[in-house]
Amino acid sequence: MTGDVRAIRPQLARATPAVPLSMSEYVTALLRDQILHGQRPLGSRLDQRKLAEEFGVSVVPLREGLRRLEAEGLVEVHARRGAFVSMPGAEELRELSTIRQLLDPLATEKGAERMSDAALTHLARLIEDMRRETERGDFDALSRVDREFHLSIYEQADMPILLQLITNLRDRYAIVSRLCMDIPDYSSRSLREHEQIYEACRKRSPQLAADLMRQHLSFALDTLLALLPALLPRLTTRE
């Protein structure tokens, strides 16, 4: 394998099997991570033979990985044209956000109710990481920390089906929403909102945490939809 599974394992949802990864799981995790963090542009073609060579695997697990990512909504596979990174439109983003504004606050409320002291300590460290990456302007690192922050809260709810649903919806939304992070003032406002959510969790105020999460998601969607026409043409590729 030419990639490093250690670099992708922290990005996997807790529902994913631990070690060892099968070849298809390895390919799925690595390609998912590349798509989520912009290494595979929206709409770009995924050449199966080139990918298999790059990842150091045969075409069979590569195809299995593409099928898994198609089921997750991150990849589109066309019989004659091949596989492409998905490119959600405005209506799909609205639908994803509408569903998330129902599910994410629920997971936040339940997570805040059951949150351990160790989990709070972890969230505090993630907030510090967010501050650092926001100041640095390292938006790739910031998107990774953002994902971990949200999922760390949701995991505390101890509702694995809900976590799986949210993770899938979040990833489908995030392949576009990450484009907002380099917009002036967006990241700083997002940081403040994450700090408020953390404080609500720390103060054991689950309903407040849920309300803040809902507001956070609404702000993110409004920002994304306003900028979508300008963002997509310069950050997508179609071969």
Protein backbone atom coordinates (compact mmCIF):
# COMPACT_ATOMS: atom_id res chain seq x y z
CA MET A 1 0.00 0.00 0.00
CA THR A 2 1.40 3.37 -0.95
CA GLY A 3 -0.84 5.33 1.49
CA ASP A 4 -0.50 5.30 5.26
CA VAL A 5 -3.48 3.90 7.16
CA ARG A 6 -2.29 5.64 10.33
CA ALA A 7 -2.99 8.98 8.68
CA ILE A 8 -6.60 8.10 7.95
CA ARG A 9 -7.65 6.06 10.98
CA PRO A 10 -8.44 9.12 13.19
CA GLN A 11 -10.95 10.23 10.54
CA LEU A 12 -12.97 7.00 10.67
CA ALA A 13 -16.28 6.86 12.50
CA ARG A 14 -16.28 4.73 15.65
CA ALA A 15 -18.62 2.27 13.94
CA THR A 16 -15.81 1.34 11.52
CA PRO A 17 -13.99 -1.88 12.49
CA ALA A 18 -10.69 -1.36 14.30
CA VAL A 19 -7.67 -3.31 13.05
CA PRO A 20 -6.87 -4.71 10.66
CA LEU A 21 -8.47 -2.93 7.72
CA SER A 22 -9.28 -5.07 4.70
CA MET A 23 -8.04 -3.84 1.33
CA SER A 24 -11.48 -2.49 0.41
CA GLU A 25 -11.87 -0.79 3.81
CA TYR A 26 -8.43 0.74 3.39
CA VAL A 27 -9.28 2.09 -0.07
CA THR A 28 -12.67 3.37 1.10
CA ALA A 29 -11.18 5.18 4.10
CA LEU A 30 -8.29 6.71 2.18
CA LEU A 31 -10.37 7.87 -0.77
CA ARG A 32 -13.10 9.19 1.55
CA ASP A 33 -10.53 11.25 3.41
CA GLN A 34 -9.10 12.64 0.17
CA ILE A 35 -12.57 13.62 -1.08
CA LEU A 36 -13.61 15.23 2.22
CA HIS A 37 -10.50 17.37 2.32
CA GLY A 38 -10.38 18.51 -1.27
CA GLN A 39 -7.58 16.35 -2.64
CA ARG A 40 -10.10 14.97 -5.14
CA PRO A 41 -11.99 18.00 -6.56
CA LEU A 42 -15.75 18.04 -6.80
CA GLY A 43 -16.87 16.50 -10.05
CA SER A 44 -13.43 15.08 -10.88
CA ARG A 45 -13.11 11.70 -12.59
CA LEU A 46 -11.80 8.79 -10.55
CA ASP A 47 -9.76 6.62 -12.89
CA GLN A 48 -9.94 3.14 -11.39
CA ARG A 49 -6.68 1.80 -12.80
CA LYS A 50 -4.71 4.90 -11.83
CA LEU A 51 -6.18 4.86 -8.32
CA ALA A 52 -5.43 1.17 -7.88
CA GLU A 53 -1.82 1.80 -8.87
CA GLU A 54 -1.57 4.85 -6.61
CA PHE A 55 -2.99 3.00 -3.60
CA GLY A 56 -1.00 -0.16 -4.30
CA VAL A 57 -4.05 -2.42 -4.56
CA SER A 58 -5.78 -4.42 -7.27
CA VAL A 59 -8.79 -3.06 -9.15
CA VAL A 60 -11.20 -5.35 -7.25
CA PRO A 61 -10.96 -3.67 -3.78
CA LEU A 62 -10.84 -0.30 -5.55
CA ARG A 63 -14.19 -1.02 -7.18
CA GLU A 64 -15.60 -2.22 -3.87
CA GLY A 65 -14.45 1.01 -2.26
CA LEU A 66 -16.08 3.09 -4.99
CA ARG A 67 -19.37 1.21 -4.47
CA ARG A 68 -19.23 1.94 -0.75
CA LEU A 69 -18.57 5.62 -1.37
CA GLU A 70 -21.38 5.71 -3.93
CA ALA A 71 -23.72 4.38 -1.23
CA GLU A 72 -22.48 7.17 1.07
CA GLY A 73 -23.26 9.78 -1.60
CA LEU A 74 -19.63 10.87 -2.06
CA VAL A 75 -19.12 9.23 -5.46
CA GLU A 76 -21.27 8.87 -8.59
CA VAL A 77 -20.68 5.83 -10.79
CA HIS A 78 -21.97 5.85 -14.37
CA ALA A 79 -21.97 2.67 -16.43
CA ARG A 80 -20.23 4.13 -19.49
CA ARG A 81 -18.56 7.29 -18.20
CA GLY A 82 -16.94 5.92 -15.05
CA ALA A 83 -16.75 7.20 -11.47
CA PHE A 84 -16.75 10.85 -10.37
CA VAL A 85 -16.60 12.73 -7.09
CA SER A 86 -20.14 13.87 -6.29
CA MET A 87 -21.02 17.52 -6.72
CA PRO A 88 -24.15 18.36 -4.65
CA GLY A 89 -26.35 21.16 -5.88
CA ALA A 90 -28.17 23.80 -3.85
CA GLU A 91 -31.36 21.75 -3.39
CA GLU A 92 -29.45 18.70 -2.17
CA LEU A 93 -27.47 20.85 0.26
CA ARG A 94 -30.70 22.36 1.61
CA GLU A 95 -32.18 18.91 2.12
CA LEU A 96 -29.04 17.60 3.83
CA SER A 97 -28.96 20.64 6.10
CA THR A 98 -32.67 20.41 6.94
CA ILE A 99 -32.24 16.81 8.06
CA ARG A 100 -29.07 17.64 9.98
CA GLN A 101 -30.83 20.48 11.80
CA LEU A 102 -33.12 17.80 13.21
CA LEU A 103 -30.59 15.04 13.92
CA ASP A 104 -27.48 16.95 15.02
CA PRO A 105 -29.23 18.89 17.81
CA LEU A 106 -30.75 15.63 19.06
CA ALA A 107 -27.32 13.99 19.19
CA THR A 108 -25.91 17.14 20.81
CA GLU A 109 -28.60 17.18 23.51
CA LYS A 110 -28.16 13.50 24.32
CA GLY A 111 -24.38 13.80 24.12
CA ALA A 112 -24.33 16.76 26.50
CA GLU A 113 -26.57 14.89 28.95
CA ARG A 114 -24.20 11.91 29.08
CA MET A 115 -20.87 13.62 28.51
CA SER A 116 -18.00 12.36 30.63
CA ASP A 117 -15.31 14.54 32.16
CA ALA A 118 -12.79 12.90 29.84
CA ALA A 119 -14.90 13.84 26.82
CA LEU A 120 -15.12 17.45 28.03
CA THR A 121 -11.35 17.55 28.39
CA HIS A 122 -11.03 16.25 24.84
CA LEU A 123 -13.44 18.91 23.54
CA ALA A 124 -11.43 21.61 25.31
CA ARG A 125 -8.29 20.40 23.51
CA LEU A 126 -10.12 20.46 20.20
CA ILE A 127 -11.23 24.05 20.82
CA GLU A 128 -7.58 24.98 21.37
CA ASP A 129 -6.69 23.19 18.13
CA MET A 130 -9.41 25.17 16.33
CA ARG A 131 -8.04 28.45 17.66
CA ARG A 132 -4.54 27.56 16.52
CA GLU A 133 -5.55 26.43 13.04
CA THR A 134 -7.86 29.44 12.61
CA GLU A 135 -4.98 31.78 13.46
CA ARG A 136 -2.65 29.90 11.12
CA GLY A 137 -5.20 29.81 8.31
CA ASP A 138 -4.65 26.07 7.88
CA PHE A 139 -8.14 25.30 6.63
CA ASP A 140 -7.48 21.66 5.79
CA ALA A 141 -6.39 20.99 9.37
CA LEU A 142 -9.30 23.10 10.63
CA SER A 143 -11.84 21.03 8.70
CA ARG A 144 -10.43 17.86 10.26
CA VAL A 145 -10.65 19.30 13.78
CA ASP A 146 -14.16 20.58 13.08
CA ARG A 147 -15.27 17.09 12.08
CA GLU A 148 -13.72 15.53 15.18
CA PHE A 149 -15.34 18.15 17.45
CA HIS A 150 -18.83 17.43 16.18
CA LEU A 151 -18.50 13.66 16.14
CA SER A 152 -16.91 13.66 19.62
CA ILE A 153 -20.08 15.26 20.98
CA TYR A 154 -22.40 12.96 19.07
CA GLU A 155 -20.53 9.84 20.18
CA GLN A 156 -21.32 10.70 23.79
CA ALA A 157 -25.02 10.19 23.05
CA ASP A 158 -24.29 6.45 22.79
CA MET A 159 -26.74 6.13 19.89
CA PRO A 160 -24.76 4.32 17.17
CA ILE A 161 -27.51 4.37 14.53
CA LEU A 162 -27.96 8.12 14.96
CA LEU A 163 -24.17 8.60 14.80
CA GLN A 164 -23.96 6.61 11.58
CA LEU A 165 -26.75 8.63 9.97
CA ILE A 166 -25.24 11.96 10.98
CA THR A 167 -21.73 10.96 9.88
CA ASN A 168 -22.98 10.08 6.41
CA LEU A 169 -25.07 13.24 6.06
CA ARG A 170 -22.27 15.41 7.42
CA ASP A 171 -19.71 14.00 5.00
CA ARG A 172 -21.99 14.48 1.99
CA TYR A 173 -22.53 18.09 3.06
CA ALA A 174 -18.90 18.72 4.03
CA ILE A 175 -17.42 18.08 0.59
CA VAL A 176 -18.90 21.47 -0.34
CA SER A 177 -19.18 23.28 3.01
CA ARG A 178 -15.42 23.07 3.64
CA LEU A 179 -15.03 25.61 0.83
CA CYS A 180 -16.39 28.31 3.16
CA MET A 181 -13.55 28.06 5.64
CA ASP A 182 -11.20 30.47 3.88
CA ILE A 183 -13.89 33.16 3.64
CA PRO A 184 -12.96 36.21 5.76
CA ASP A 185 -14.65 36.18 9.19
CA TYR A 186 -16.37 32.82 8.57
CA SER A 187 -13.83 30.74 10.48
CA SER A 188 -13.63 33.20 13.37
CA ARG A 189 -17.42 33.25 13.77
CA SER A 190 -17.52 29.46 13.46
CA LEU A 191 -14.88 29.22 16.20
CA ARG A 192 -16.98 31.40 18.52
CA GLU A 193 -20.00 29.19 17.89
CA HIS A 194 -18.01 26.05 18.68
CA GLU A 195 -16.78 27.70 21.89
CA GLN A 196 -20.38 28.44 22.88
CA ILE A 197 -21.43 24.85 22.21
CA TYR A 198 -18.51 23.60 24.29
CA GLU A 199 -19.42 25.96 27.17
CA ALA A 200 -23.02 24.71 27.12
CA CYS A 201 -21.74 21.13 27.33
CA ARG A 202 -19.34 22.06 30.13
CA LYS A 203 -22.15 23.71 32.10
CA ARG A 204 -24.33 20.63 31.60
CA SER A 205 -26.97 22.55 29.63
CA PRO A 206 -28.06 20.03 26.97
CA GLN A 207 -30.99 22.03 25.59
CA LEU A 208 -28.85 25.13 25.17
CA ALA A 209 -26.15 23.07 23.46
CA ALA A 210 -28.75 21.65 21.07
CA ASP A 211 -30.16 25.12 20.28
CA LEU A 212 -26.67 26.47 19.64
CA MET A 213 -25.88 23.56 17.35
CA ARG A 214 -29.04 24.21 15.34
CA GLN A 215 -28.11 27.89 14.97
CA HIS A 216 -24.57 26.94 13.99
CA LEU A 217 -25.82 24.68 11.19
CA SER A 218 -28.29 27.29 9.97
CA PHE A 219 -25.57 29.95 9.74
CA ALA A 220 -23.29 27.56 7.85
CA LEU A 221 -26.01 26.74 5.30
CA ASP A 222 -26.96 30.39 4.74
CA THR A 223 -23.31 31.28 4.15
CA LEU A 224 -22.74 28.36 1.80
CA LEU A 225 -25.83 28.94 -0.34
CA ALA A 226 -25.05 32.64 -0.69
CA LEU A 227 -21.57 31.87 -2.00
CA LEU A 228 -22.25 28.65 -3.90
CA PRO A 229 -22.51 30.18 -7.40
CA ALA A 230 -19.09 31.78 -7.00
CA LEU A 231 -17.42 28.86 -5.22
CA LEU A 232 -18.23 25.92 -7.47
CA PRO A 233 -16.85 27.13 -10.82
CA ARG A 234 -13.36 27.74 -9.44
CA LEU A 235 -13.17 24.67 -7.22
CA THR A 236 -14.58 21.89 -9.37
CA THR A 237 -13.16 19.78 -12.15
CA ARG A 238 -14.91 17.75 -14.80
CA GLU A 239 -12.75 15.54 -17.04
